[in-house]
C-alpha atoms as a PDB file:
ATOM      1  CA  MET A   1     343.665  31.851  -5.994  1.00  0.00           C
ATOM      2  CA  MET A   2     346.720  33.624  -5.230  1.00  0.00           C
ATOM      3  CA  SER A   3     349.303  32.547  -3.044  1.00  0.00           C
ATOM      4  CA  ILE A   4     350.262  34.069   0.302  1.00  0.00           C
ATOM      5  CA  ASP A   5     353.776  36.266   0.766  1.00  0.00           C
ATOM      6  CA  PRO A   6     355.485  34.046   3.465  1.00  0.00           C
ATOM      7  CA  HIS A   7     357.450  37.640   4.865  1.00  0.00           C
ATOM      8  CA  HIS A   8     356.661  38.804   8.114  1.00  0.00           C
ATOM      9  CA  PRO A   9     356.737  42.690   6.501  1.00  0.00           C
ATOM     10  CA  LEU A  10     357.136  44.048  10.521  1.00  0.00           C
ATOM     11  CA  ILE A  11     359.885  42.243  11.186  1.00  0.00           C
ATOM     12  CA  ILE A  12     361.655  43.279   7.463  1.00  0.00           C
ATOM     13  CA  ASP A  13     361.275  46.718   8.384  1.00  0.00           C
ATOM     14  CA  ASN A  14     362.151  47.236  12.369  1.00  0.00           C
ATOM     15  CA  ILE A  15     365.177  44.679  11.648  1.00  0.00           C
ATOM     16  CA  SER A  16     366.262  46.277   8.431  1.00  0.00           C
ATOM     17  CA  ALA A  17     365.908  49.914  10.091  1.00  0.00           C
ATOM     18  CA  LEU A  18     367.720  48.949  13.428  1.00  0.00           C
ATOM     19  CA  LEU A  19     371.182  47.162  11.242  1.00  0.00           C
ATOM     20  CA  ASN A  20     371.280  50.036   9.204  1.00  0.00           C
ATOM     21  CA  SER A  21     371.292  52.505  12.029  1.00  0.00           C
ATOM     22  CA  THR A  22     373.960  53.320  14.685  1.00  0.00           C
ATOM     23  CA  ILE A  23     371.925  53.518  17.558  1.00  0.00           C
ATOM     24  CA  ASP A  24     372.496  51.907  20.776  1.00  0.00           C
ATOM     25  CA  LEU A  25     370.601  48.760  20.892  1.00  0.00           C
ATOM     26  CA  THR A  26     370.952  47.675  24.338  1.00  0.00           C
ATOM     27  CA  ASN A  27     367.589  49.076  25.816  1.00  0.00           C
ATOM     28  CA  LEU A  28     365.489  48.173  22.788  1.00  0.00           C
ATOM     29  CA  LEU A  29     362.533  46.045  22.867  1.00  0.00           C
ATOM     30  CA  PHE A  30     359.697  45.058  20.092  1.00  0.00           C
ATOM     31  CA  LYS A  31     357.109  42.456  20.512  1.00  0.00           C
ATOM     32  CA  LEU A  32     355.594  40.838  17.253  1.00  0.00           C
ATOM     33  CA  THR A  33     352.417  38.561  16.491  1.00  0.00           C
ATOM     34  CA  ASP A  34     352.201  36.011  13.701  1.00  0.00           C
ATOM     35  CA  TYR A  35     350.132  33.268  12.165  1.00  0.00           C
ATOM     36  CA  ASP A  36     349.512  30.086  14.230  1.00  0.00           C
ATOM     37  CA  GLY A  37     349.937  31.393  17.621  1.00  0.00           C
ATOM     38  CA  ILE A  38     353.662  32.779  16.956  1.00  0.00           C
ATOM     39  CA  GLN A  39     355.113  35.581  19.066  1.00  0.00           C
ATOM     40  CA  TYR A  40     358.591  37.297  18.307  1.00  0.00           C
ATOM     41  CA  VAL A  41     360.546  39.439  20.848  1.00  0.00           C
ATOM     42  CA  ILE A  42     363.569  41.320  19.615  1.00  0.00           C
ATOM     43  CA  SER A  43     365.538  42.953  22.450  1.00  0.00           C
ATOM     44  CA  GLY A  44     368.477  44.510  22.677  1.00  0.00           C
ATOM     45  CA  GLN A  45     371.587  42.485  24.353  1.00  0.00           C
ATOM     46  CA  ASN A  46     374.113  44.825  24.374  1.00  0.00           C
ATOM     47  CA  THR A  47     375.352  48.191  21.761  1.00  0.00           C
ATOM     48  CA  ASP A  48     375.543  46.112  18.805  1.00  0.00           C
ATOM     49  CA  SER A  49     373.829  42.184  19.642  1.00  0.00           C
ATOM     50  CA  LEU A  50     370.021  41.869  18.539  1.00  0.00           C
ATOM     51  CA  CYS A  51     368.206  38.684  20.230  1.00  0.00           C
ATOM     52  CA  PHE A  52     365.280  37.425  17.956  1.00  0.00           C
ATOM     53  CA  THR A  53     363.574  35.296  20.593  1.00  0.00           C
ATOM     54  CA  VAL A  54     360.404  32.879  18.924  1.00  0.00           C
ATOM     55  CA  LEU A  55     357.314  31.941  21.727  1.00  0.00           C
ATOM     56  CA  ALA A  56     354.924  29.577  20.644  1.00  0.00           C
ATOM     57  CA  PRO A  57     353.325  26.977  22.404  1.00  0.00           C
ATOM     58  CA  GLN A  58     353.720  23.837  19.792  1.00  0.00           C
ATOM     59  CA  LEU A  59     357.672  25.206  19.644  1.00  0.00           C
ATOM     60  CA  ALA A  60     358.846  21.867  20.739  1.00  0.00           C
ATOM     61  CA  SER A  61     356.936  19.081  18.990  1.00  0.00           C
ATOM     62  CA  VAL A  62     357.365  20.910  15.876  1.00  0.00           C
ATOM     63  CA  GLY A  63     361.111  21.388  16.570  1.00  0.00           C
ATOM     64  CA  GLU A  64     361.502  17.992  17.178  1.00  0.00           C
ATOM     65  CA  ALA A  65     359.645  16.868  14.406  1.00  0.00           C
ATOM     66  CA  GLY A  66     362.228  18.574  11.480  1.00  0.00           C
ATOM     67  CA  GLY A  67     361.730  22.292  12.799  1.00  0.00           C
ATOM     68  CA  TYR A  68     364.942  22.998  14.400  1.00  0.00           C
ATOM     69  CA  GLU A  69     366.701  21.333  11.765  1.00  0.00           C
ATOM     70  CA  SER A  70     365.133  23.179   9.197  1.00  0.00           C
ATOM     71  CA  ILE A  71     366.295  26.488  11.599  1.00  0.00           C
ATOM     72  CA  GLN A  72     369.907  25.530  12.082  1.00  0.00           C
ATOM     73  CA  LEU A  73     369.961  24.442   8.030  1.00  0.00           C
ATOM     74  CA  ASN A  74     368.621  28.420   6.696  1.00  0.00           C
ATOM     75  CA  TYR A  75     370.332  30.547   9.863  1.00  0.00           C
ATOM     76  CA  PRO A  76     373.537  28.981   9.643  1.00  0.00           C
ATOM     77  CA  GLY A  77     376.129  31.622  11.331  1.00  0.00           C
ATOM     78  CA  PHE A  78     374.234  32.872  14.161  1.00  0.00           C
ATOM     79  CA  PRO A  79     374.205  31.741  17.481  1.00  0.00           C
ATOM     80  CA  ILE A  80     370.938  29.672  18.688  1.00  0.00           C
ATOM     81  CA  ALA A  81     369.691  28.781  21.939  1.00  0.00           C
ATOM     82  CA  ILE A  82     366.710  26.534  22.742  1.00  0.00           C
ATOM     83  CA  ASP A  83     364.646  27.192  26.277  1.00  0.00           C
ATOM     84  CA  GLU A  84     361.476  25.585  26.904  1.00  0.00           C
ATOM     85  CA  GLY A  85     358.925  27.228  24.981  1.00  0.00           C
ATOM     86  CA  SER A  86     361.478  29.643  23.287  1.00  0.00           C
ATOM     87  CA  TYR A  87     363.647  29.778  20.403  1.00  0.00           C
ATOM     88  CA  SER A  88     366.053  32.636  20.294  1.00  0.00           C
ATOM     89  CA  ILE A  89     368.684  33.831  17.541  1.00  0.00           C
ATOM     90  CA  LEU A  90     371.511  35.996  18.428  1.00  0.00           C
ATOM     91  CA  ILE A  91     371.698  38.995  15.521  1.00  0.00           C
ATOM     92  CA  ASP A  92     375.504  40.986  15.863  1.00  0.00           C
ATOM     93  CA  ARG A  93     375.111  44.170  13.727  1.00  0.00           C
ATOM     94  CA  SER A  94     378.920  44.252  14.173  1.00  0.00           C
ATOM     95  CA  GLN A  95     379.707  41.402  11.736  1.00  0.00           C
ATOM     96  CA  LEU A  96     378.040  43.645   8.945  1.00  0.00           C
ATOM     97  CA  PRO A  97     380.252  45.471   6.460  1.00  0.00           C
ATOM     98  CA  ASP A  98     381.868  48.578   7.369  1.00  0.00           C
ATOM     99  CA  PRO A  99     379.516  51.540   7.370  1.00  0.00           C
ATOM    100  CA  SER A 100     381.179  53.061   5.480  1.00  0.00           C
ATOM    101  CA  LEU A 101     380.600  50.595   2.734  1.00  0.00           C
ATOM    102  CA  GLY A 102     376.777  52.141   2.732  1.00  0.00           C
ATOM    103  CA  GLU A 103     374.919  50.045   0.138  1.00  0.00           C
ATOM    104  CA  GLU A 104     376.828  47.366   0.686  1.00  0.00           C
ATOM    105  CA  ARG A 105     376.111  47.164   4.061  1.00  0.00           C
ATOM    106  CA  LYS A 106     372.485  48.086   3.822  1.00  0.00           C
ATOM    107  CA  LEU A 107     371.971  45.297   0.838  1.00  0.00           C
ATOM    108  CA  ARG A 108     373.508  42.694   3.678  1.00  0.00           C
ATOM    109  CA  ALA A 109     371.348  43.832   6.334  1.00  0.00           C
ATOM    110  CA  ASN A 110     368.099  43.816   4.115  1.00  0.00           C
ATOM    111  CA  ASP A 111     369.356  40.254   3.565  1.00  0.00           C
ATOM    112  CA  ILE A 112     369.250  39.176   7.015  1.00  0.00           C
ATOM    113  CA  ALA A 113     365.631  41.116   7.547  1.00  0.00           C
ATOM    114  CA  ASN A 114     364.285  39.008   4.684  1.00  0.00           C
ATOM    115  CA  LYS A 115     365.546  36.100   6.255  1.00  0.00           C
ATOM    116  CA  PHE A 116     364.211  36.286   9.820  1.00  0.00           C
ATOM    117  CA  SER A 117     360.739  37.428   8.407  1.00  0.00           C
ATOM    118  CA  MET A 118     360.757  33.979   6.866  1.00  0.00           C
ATOM    119  CA  PHE A 119     361.130  32.216  10.740  1.00  0.00           C
ATOM    120  CA  ARG A 120     357.521  30.913  10.889  1.00  0.00           C
ATOM    121  CA  THR A 121     357.595  29.547   7.308  1.00  0.00           C
ATOM    122  CA  HIS A 122     360.989  27.885   7.959  1.00  0.00           C
ATOM    123  CA  PHE A 123     360.326  26.726  11.088  1.00  0.00           C
ATOM    124  CA  LEU A 124     356.951  24.896  10.232  1.00  0.00           C
ATOM    125  CA  SER A 125     358.008  23.637   6.958  1.00  0.00           C
ATOM    126  CA  GLY A 126     360.480  21.314   9.098  1.00  0.00           C
ATOM    127  CA  PRO A 127     358.321  18.185   9.408  1.00  0.00           C
ATOM    128  CA  PHE A 128     356.982  18.315   5.872  1.00  0.00           C
ATOM    129  CA  ILE A 129     361.037  18.503   4.512  1.00  0.00           C
ATOM    130  CA  LYS A 130     362.259  16.257   6.722  1.00  0.00           C
ATOM    131  CA  ALA A 131     359.382  13.614   5.675  1.00  0.00           C
ATOM    132  CA  LEU A 132     359.875  14.302   1.887  1.00  0.00           C
ATOM    133  CA  LYS A 133     363.568  14.103   2.084  1.00  0.00           C
ATOM    134  CA  ASN A 134     363.654  10.555   3.562  1.00  0.00           C
ATOM    135  CA  VAL A 135     360.650   9.417   1.000  1.00  0.00           C
ATOM    136  CA  LYS A 136     362.905  10.671  -1.539  1.00  0.00           C
ATOM    137  CA  SER A 137     366.008   8.964  -0.475  1.00  0.00           C
ATOM    138  CA  GLY A 138     364.656   5.799   0.700  1.00  0.00           C
ATOM    139  CA  THR A 139     364.928   6.309   4.140  1.00  0.00           C
ATOM    140  CA  ALA A 140     362.153   4.387   6.822  1.00  0.00           C
ATOM    141  CA  PHE A 141     361.148   6.690   9.836  1.00  0.00           C
ATOM    142  CA  GLN A 142     358.392   6.217  12.008  1.00  0.00           C
ATOM    143  CA  PRO A 143     354.844   8.165  11.985  1.00  0.00           C
ATOM    144  CA  LYS A 144     354.899  11.492  13.968  1.00  0.00           C
ATOM    145  CA  GLU A 145     352.103  12.883  15.767  1.00  0.00           C
ATOM    146  CA  VAL A 146     352.937  16.914  15.454  1.00  0.00           C
ATOM    147  CA  LEU A 147     350.935  19.707  17.631  1.00  0.00           C
ATOM    148  CA  ILE A 148     351.091  22.162  14.688  1.00  0.00           C
ATOM    149  CA  ARG A 149     348.645  24.831  15.959  1.00  0.00           C
ATOM    150  CA  PRO A 150     347.302  25.157  19.639  1.00  0.00           C
ATOM    151  CA  ASN A 151     344.393  23.272  18.447  1.00  0.00           C
ATOM    152  CA  GLU A 152     345.401  21.555  15.464  1.00  0.00           C
ATOM    153  CA  LYS A 153     347.622  18.608  15.105  1.00  0.00           C
ATOM    154  CA  LEU A 154     349.671  16.870  12.078  1.00  0.00           C
ATOM    155  CA  TRP A 155     349.990  13.691  11.627  1.00  0.00           C
ATOM    156  CA  VAL A 156     352.961  12.428   9.435  1.00  0.00           C
ATOM    157  CA  ILE A 157     352.586   8.737   8.232  1.00  0.00           C
ATOM    158  CA  PRO A 158     354.896   7.332   5.792  1.00  0.00           C
ATOM    159  CA  GLY A 159     354.026   4.834   3.428  1.00  0.00           C
ATOM    160  CA  GLU A 160     355.711   2.642   0.423  1.00  0.00           C
ATOM    161  CA  ASN A 161     357.310   5.300  -1.781  1.00  0.00           C
ATOM    162  CA  ARG A 162     354.845   7.817  -0.327  1.00  0.00           C
ATOM    163  CA  VAL A 163     354.016   9.601   2.813  1.00  0.00           C
ATOM    164  CA  ASN A 164     350.572  11.165   4.080  1.00  0.00           C
ATOM    165  CA  PHE A 165     349.964  14.742   5.656  1.00  0.00           C
ATOM    166  CA  ILE A 166     347.034  14.476   7.819  1.00  0.00           C
ATOM    167  CA  PHE A 167     345.767  18.131   8.832  1.00  0.00           C
ATOM    168  CA  GLN A 168     343.677  18.688  11.544  1.00  0.00           C
ATOM    169  CA  VAL A 169     341.178  21.478  10.514  1.00  0.00           C
ATOM    170  CA  ASN A 170     339.439  23.638  13.189  1.00  0.00           C
ATOM    171  CA  PHE A 171     337.915  27.223  13.349  1.00  0.00           C
ATOM    172  CA  SER A 172     336.713  28.868  16.457  1.00  0.00           C
ATOM    173  CA  ASP A 173     334.122  30.834  14.380  1.00  0.00           C
ATOM    174  CA  HIS A 174     331.010  28.853  12.933  1.00  0.00           C
ATOM    175  CA  THR A 175     330.806  30.634   9.701  1.00  0.00           C
ATOM    176  CA  ASP A 176     334.440  30.030   8.801  1.00  0.00           C
ATOM    177  CA  GLY A 177     334.028  26.455   9.780  1.00  0.00           C
ATOM    178  CA  SER A 178     331.106  25.808   7.565  1.00  0.00           C
ATOM    179  CA  LEU A 179     332.898  27.290   4.353  1.00  0.00           C
ATOM    180  CA  SER A 180     336.259  25.801   5.045  1.00  0.00           C
ATOM    181  CA  ARG A 181     334.376  22.543   4.709  1.00  0.00           C
ATOM    182  CA  VAL A 182     333.385  24.428   0.882  1.00  0.00           C
ATOM    183  CA  PHE A 183     336.857  24.665   0.184  1.00  0.00           C
ATOM    184  CA  LEU A 184     338.160  21.571   1.490  1.00  0.00           C
ATOM    185  CA  GLN A 185     335.816  19.913  -1.301  1.00  0.00           C
ATOM    186  CA  GLU A 186     336.687  21.683  -3.847  1.00  0.00           C
ATOM    187  CA  PHE A 187     340.804  21.242  -3.126  1.00  0.00           C
ATOM    188  CA  VAL A 188     339.195  17.334  -3.765  1.00  0.00           C
ATOM    189  CA  GLU A 189     337.700  18.028  -7.011  1.00  0.00           C
ATOM    190  CA  ALA A 190     340.546  20.025  -8.291  1.00  0.00           C
ATOM    191  CA  LYS A 191     342.584  16.735  -8.283  1.00  0.00           C
ATOM    192  CA  ARG A 192     340.241  15.650 -11.316  1.00  0.00           C
ATOM    193  CA  GLN A 193     341.743  18.523 -13.320  1.00  0.00           C
ATOM    194  CA  VAL A 194     345.493  18.982 -12.650  1.00  0.00           C
ATOM    195  CA  PRO A 195     347.281  16.005 -14.166  1.00  0.00           C
ATOM    196  CA  ASN A 196     350.057  14.532 -11.484  1.00  0.00           C
ATOM    197  CA  SER A 197     349.222  16.297  -8.300  1.00  0.00           C
ATOM    198  CA  PRO A 198     349.145  14.681  -5.134  1.00  0.00           C
ATOM    199  CA  VAL A 199     345.786  12.602  -4.025  1.00  0.00           C
ATOM    200  CA  ILE A 200     344.052  14.663  -1.540  1.00  0.00           C
ATOM    201  CA  THR A 201     340.919  13.430   0.584  1.00  0.00           C
ATOM    202  CA  PHE A 202     338.696  15.341   2.864  1.00  0.00           C
ATOM    203  CA  SER A 203     336.579  13.643   5.634  1.00  0.00           C
ATOM    204  CA  GLN A 204     334.654  14.399   8.807  1.00  0.00           C
ATOM    205  CA  ASN A 205     335.785  11.455  10.427  1.00  0.00           C
ATOM    206  CA  PRO A 206     339.538  10.663  10.804  1.00  0.00           C
ATOM    207  CA  PRO A 207     341.369   8.409   8.215  1.00  0.00           C
ATOM    208  CA  GLU A 208     342.112   4.680   8.338  1.00  0.00           C
ATOM    209  CA  ALA A 209     345.741   5.921   8.381  1.00  0.00           C
ATOM    210  CA  MET A 210     345.066   7.515  12.042  1.00  0.00           C
ATOM    211  CA  SER A 211     344.187   4.132  13.674  1.00  0.00           C
ATOM    212  CA  MET A 212     347.559   3.870  15.242  1.00  0.00           C
ATOM    213  CA  PHE A 213     347.280   6.630  17.113  1.00  0.00           C
ATOM    214  CA  LYS A 214     345.034   6.406  19.961  1.00  0.00           C
ATOM    215  CA  GLY A 215     343.142   9.342  21.103  1.00  0.00           C
ATOM    216  CA  ALA A 216     344.499  11.759  18.434  1.00  0.00           C
ATOM    217  CA  THR A 217     341.839  13.876  17.744  1.00  0.00           C
ATOM    218  CA  LEU A 218     341.072  17.413  19.687  1.00  0.00           C
ATOM    219  CA  PRO A 219     337.293  18.342  20.331  1.00  0.00           C
ATOM    220  CA  SER A 220     335.296  20.488  17.698  1.00  0.00           C
ATOM    221  CA  THR A 221     337.189  19.556  15.059  1.00  0.00           C
ATOM    222  CA  ILE A 222     335.838  20.409  11.541  1.00  0.00           C
ATOM    223  CA  GLY A 223     337.642  17.934   9.272  1.00  0.00           C
ATOM    224  CA  PHE A 224     340.343  15.778   8.323  1.00  0.00           C
ATOM    225  CA  LEU A 225     342.385  16.802   5.124  1.00  0.00           C
ATOM    226  CA  CYS A 226     344.944  14.038   3.705  1.00  0.00           C
ATOM    227  CA  ILE A 227     347.242  15.164   1.568  1.00  0.00           C
ATOM    228  CA  THR A 228     349.807  11.765  -0.110  1.00  0.00           C
ATOM    229  CA  VAL A 229     352.568  12.639  -2.162  1.00  0.00           C
ATOM    230  CA  LEU A 230     354.320   9.866  -4.040  1.00  0.00           C
ATOM    231  CA  LYS A 231     358.236  10.004  -4.325  1.00  0.00           C
ATOM    232  CA  GLU A 232     357.783  10.414  -8.160  1.00  0.00           C
ATOM    233  CA  GLN A 233     356.149  13.651  -7.299  1.00  0.00           C
ATOM    234  CA  ILE A 234     358.940  15.336  -4.944  1.00  0.00           C
ATOM    235  CA  ARG A 235     361.146  17.338  -6.952  1.00  0.00           C
ATOM    236  CA  GLN A 236     362.192  20.385  -4.479  1.00  0.00           C
ATOM    237  CA  GLU A 237     361.573  19.161  -0.986  1.00  0.00           C
ATOM    238  CA  ALA A 238     362.083  23.069   0.439  1.00  0.00           C
ATOM    239  CA  GLU A 239     359.280  24.600  -1.852  1.00  0.00           C
ATOM    240  CA  THR A 240     356.739  21.656  -1.252  1.00  0.00           C
ATOM    241  CA  GLY A 241     357.045  21.623   2.296  1.00  0.00           C
ATOM    242  CA  GLN A 242     356.673  25.838   2.490  1.00  0.00           C
ATOM    243  CA  TRP A 243     353.536  25.031   0.433  1.00  0.00           C
ATOM    244  CA  LEU A 244     352.243  22.774   2.750  1.00  0.00           C
ATOM    245  CA  ALA A 245     353.353  24.723   6.065  1.00  0.00           C
ATOM    246  CA  GLY A 246     351.319  27.809   4.789  1.00  0.00           C
ATOM    247  CA  LEU A 247     348.211  25.723   4.199  1.00  0.00           C
ATOM    248  CA  LYS A 248     346.152  26.918   6.502  1.00  0.00           C
ATOM    249  CA  GLN A 249     347.150  31.092   6.599  1.00  0.00           C
ATOM    250  CA  TYR A 250     346.217  30.165   2.789  1.00  0.00           C
ATOM    251  CA  LEU A 251     342.672  28.462   3.693  1.00  0.00           C
ATOM    252  CA  THR A 252     342.088  31.329   6.471  1.00  0.00           C
ATOM    253  CA  TYR A 253     343.218  34.232   3.425  1.00  0.00           C
ATOM    254  CA  HIS A 254     340.672  33.224   0.920  1.00  0.00           C
ATOM    255  CA  LEU A 255     337.999  32.429   3.744  1.00  0.00           C
ATOM    256  CA  HIS A 256     338.006  36.107   4.545  1.00  0.00           C
ATOM    257  CA  ALA A 257     338.108  36.987   0.914  1.00  0.00           C
ATOM    258  CA  CYS A 258     334.831  34.917   0.182  1.00  0.00           C
ATOM    259  CA  LYS A 259     333.653  36.456   3.232  1.00  0.00           C
ATOM    260  CA  THR A 260     334.338  40.056   2.374  1.00  0.00           C
ATOM    261  CA  TYR A 261     332.898  39.089  -1.545  1.00  0.00           C
ATOM    262  CA  LEU A 262     329.863  38.111   0.241  1.00  0.00           C
ATOM    263  CA  HIS A 263     329.188  41.157   2.226  1.00  0.00           C
ATOM    264  CA  MET A 264     329.926  43.060  -1.075  1.00  0.00           C
ATOM    265  CA  ARG A 265     327.393  41.471  -2.956  1.00  0.00           C
ATOM    266  CA  MET A 266     324.683  41.778  -0.035  1.00  0.00           C
ATOM    267  CA  ARG A 267     325.001  45.463   0.254  1.00  0.00           C
ATOM    268  CA  LYS A 268     324.664  45.687  -3.508  1.00  0.00           C
ATOM    269  CA  LYS A 269     321.434  43.719  -3.492  1.00  0.00           C
ATOM    270  CA  THR A 270     320.290  46.048  -0.496  1.00  0.00           C
ATOM    271  CA  GLU A 271     320.853  49.240  -2.011  1.00  0.00           C
ATOM    272  CA  GLY A 272     319.366  47.878  -4.999  1.00  0.00           C
ATOM    273  CA  LEU A 273     316.267  47.072  -3.340  1.00  0.00           C
ATOM    274  CA  LEU A 274     316.029  50.517  -1.363  1.00  0.00           C
ATOM    275  CA  LYS A 275     315.920  52.233  -4.769  1.00  0.00           C
ATOM    276  CA  VAL A 276     313.118  50.262  -6.441  1.00  0.00           C
ATOM    277  CA  LEU A 277     311.379  50.962  -2.485  1.00  0.00           C
ATOM    278  CA  LYS A 278     311.987  54.947  -3.227  1.00  0.00           C
ATOM    279  CA  ASN A 279     311.075  54.789  -6.845  1.00  0.00           C
ATOM    280  CA  ALA A 280     307.429  52.822  -6.025  1.00  0.00           C
ATOM    281  CA  VAL A 281     306.833  56.204  -4.310  1.00  0.00           C
ATOM    282  CA  PRO A 282     304.436  58.667  -6.423  1.00  0.00           C
ATOM    283  CA  ASP A 283     305.834  62.063  -6.823  1.00  0.00           C
ATOM    284  CA  LYS A 284     302.172  64.084  -5.939  1.00  0.00           C
ATOM    285  CA  LEU A 285     300.358  62.786  -3.278  1.00  0.00           C
ATOM    286  CA  GLU A 286     296.927  64.140  -2.745  1.00  0.00           C
ATOM    287  CA  GLU A 287     294.261  63.592  -0.169  1.00  0.00           C
ATOM    288  CA  LYS A 288     291.359  61.568  -1.226  1.00  0.00           C
ATOM    289  CA  THR A 289     287.634  61.798   0.599  1.00  0.00           C
ATOM    290  CA  PHE A 290     284.841  59.190   0.588  1.00  0.00           C
ATOM    291  CA  ARG A 291     281.593  58.638   2.109  1.00  0.00           C
ATOM    292  CA  ARG A 292     280.835  55.447   4.259  1.00  0.00           C
ATOM    293  CA  VAL A 293     277.115  54.398   5.871  1.00  0.00           C
ATOM    294  CA  ARG A 294     277.335  52.594   8.919  1.00  0.00           C
ATOM    295  CA  ALA A 295     274.884  49.473   8.882  1.00  0.00           C
ATOM    296  CA  ALA A 296     274.226  50.210  12.616  1.00  0.00           C
ATOM    297  CA  LYS A 297     273.210  53.843  12.483  1.00  0.00           C
ATOM    298  CA  THR A 298     271.732  56.261   9.767  1.00  0.00           C
ATOM    299  CA  ARG A 299     274.605  58.711  10.246  1.00  0.00           C
ATOM    300  CA  ARG A 300     277.160  59.696   7.287  1.00  0.00           C
ATOM    301  CA  GLU A 301     280.628  59.724   7.947  1.00  0.00           C
ATOM    302  CA  GLU A 302     283.608  61.324   5.962  1.00  0.00           C
ATOM    303  CA  SER A 303     286.704  60.151   6.200  1.00  0.00           C
ATOM    304  CA  LYS A 304     289.827  60.784   4.830  1.00  0.00           C
ATOM    305  CA  ILE A 305     293.112  58.672   3.471  1.00  0.00           C
ATOM    306  CA  VAL A 306     295.749  60.216   3.810  1.00  0.00           C
ATOM    307  CA  TYR A 307     299.351  59.015   2.294  1.00  0.00           C
ATOM    308  CA  ASN A 308     302.485  59.589   4.799  1.00  0.00           C
ATOM    309  CA  PHE A 309     305.840  58.191   3.667  1.00  0.00           C
ATOM    310  CA  ASN A 310     308.041  60.099   5.563  1.00  0.00           C
END
């Protein structure tokens, strides 16, 4: 299975074009959407300043669990403002190299655009990176319940030289939910073939590690995926955290790819059956006559059998 690009292509195109241009940014306004119910608003503050605002219902929950720390680490030098339900970062075009340095200015603008295109990944990976760093350094921390999506929660539960990440998996579509159970079971089976991999379990009931949380589950839950990462398995916290943050995106992509493949197979099978039916019709059809005598009457009647396949 392939990995998913964490960059948002529309953010790259829009921000790089605006930073490389000389137009007045004052009355500018763009609205974009992303996975996990996240929305972006790119607006002009003055002639040379852009405000990159993020709106998400789970913003405060993820931010307090480590998302804010991750943003401050990945976006140094950018003024940040945190409000209820929103997170804003200011981009000053005047801080870029002089327009006379065309190639250097373009590279700097593209670097900023690429960085902001990964905002969702950087933000959602914060709770995972923070927990992995604490386990690696031996720092104790309390279990956390994080609203990672509008209809899903994440539980970060520390253990002895390990940390448990329990994902609540929900899909609004019934077919996606049924297929996701098959995929998640394959994650568990793959553990046997991959040496030194994290311990993965999937069940439709909450794991025992969640017993400390009361009323933790949400309605219409497909199941719970638990990934246990041991201390000796932690090497690059940022990379591991980004992979864990993109797990739902990864799962959704391959579910849609699976459905597309099944539809292609069904269409191909249907076309084959239609060809068989078409070949079953004789090339020449002639009318046939026969004589039938009714038992109740002595009158003979002629009937015809007419083939009509049109």
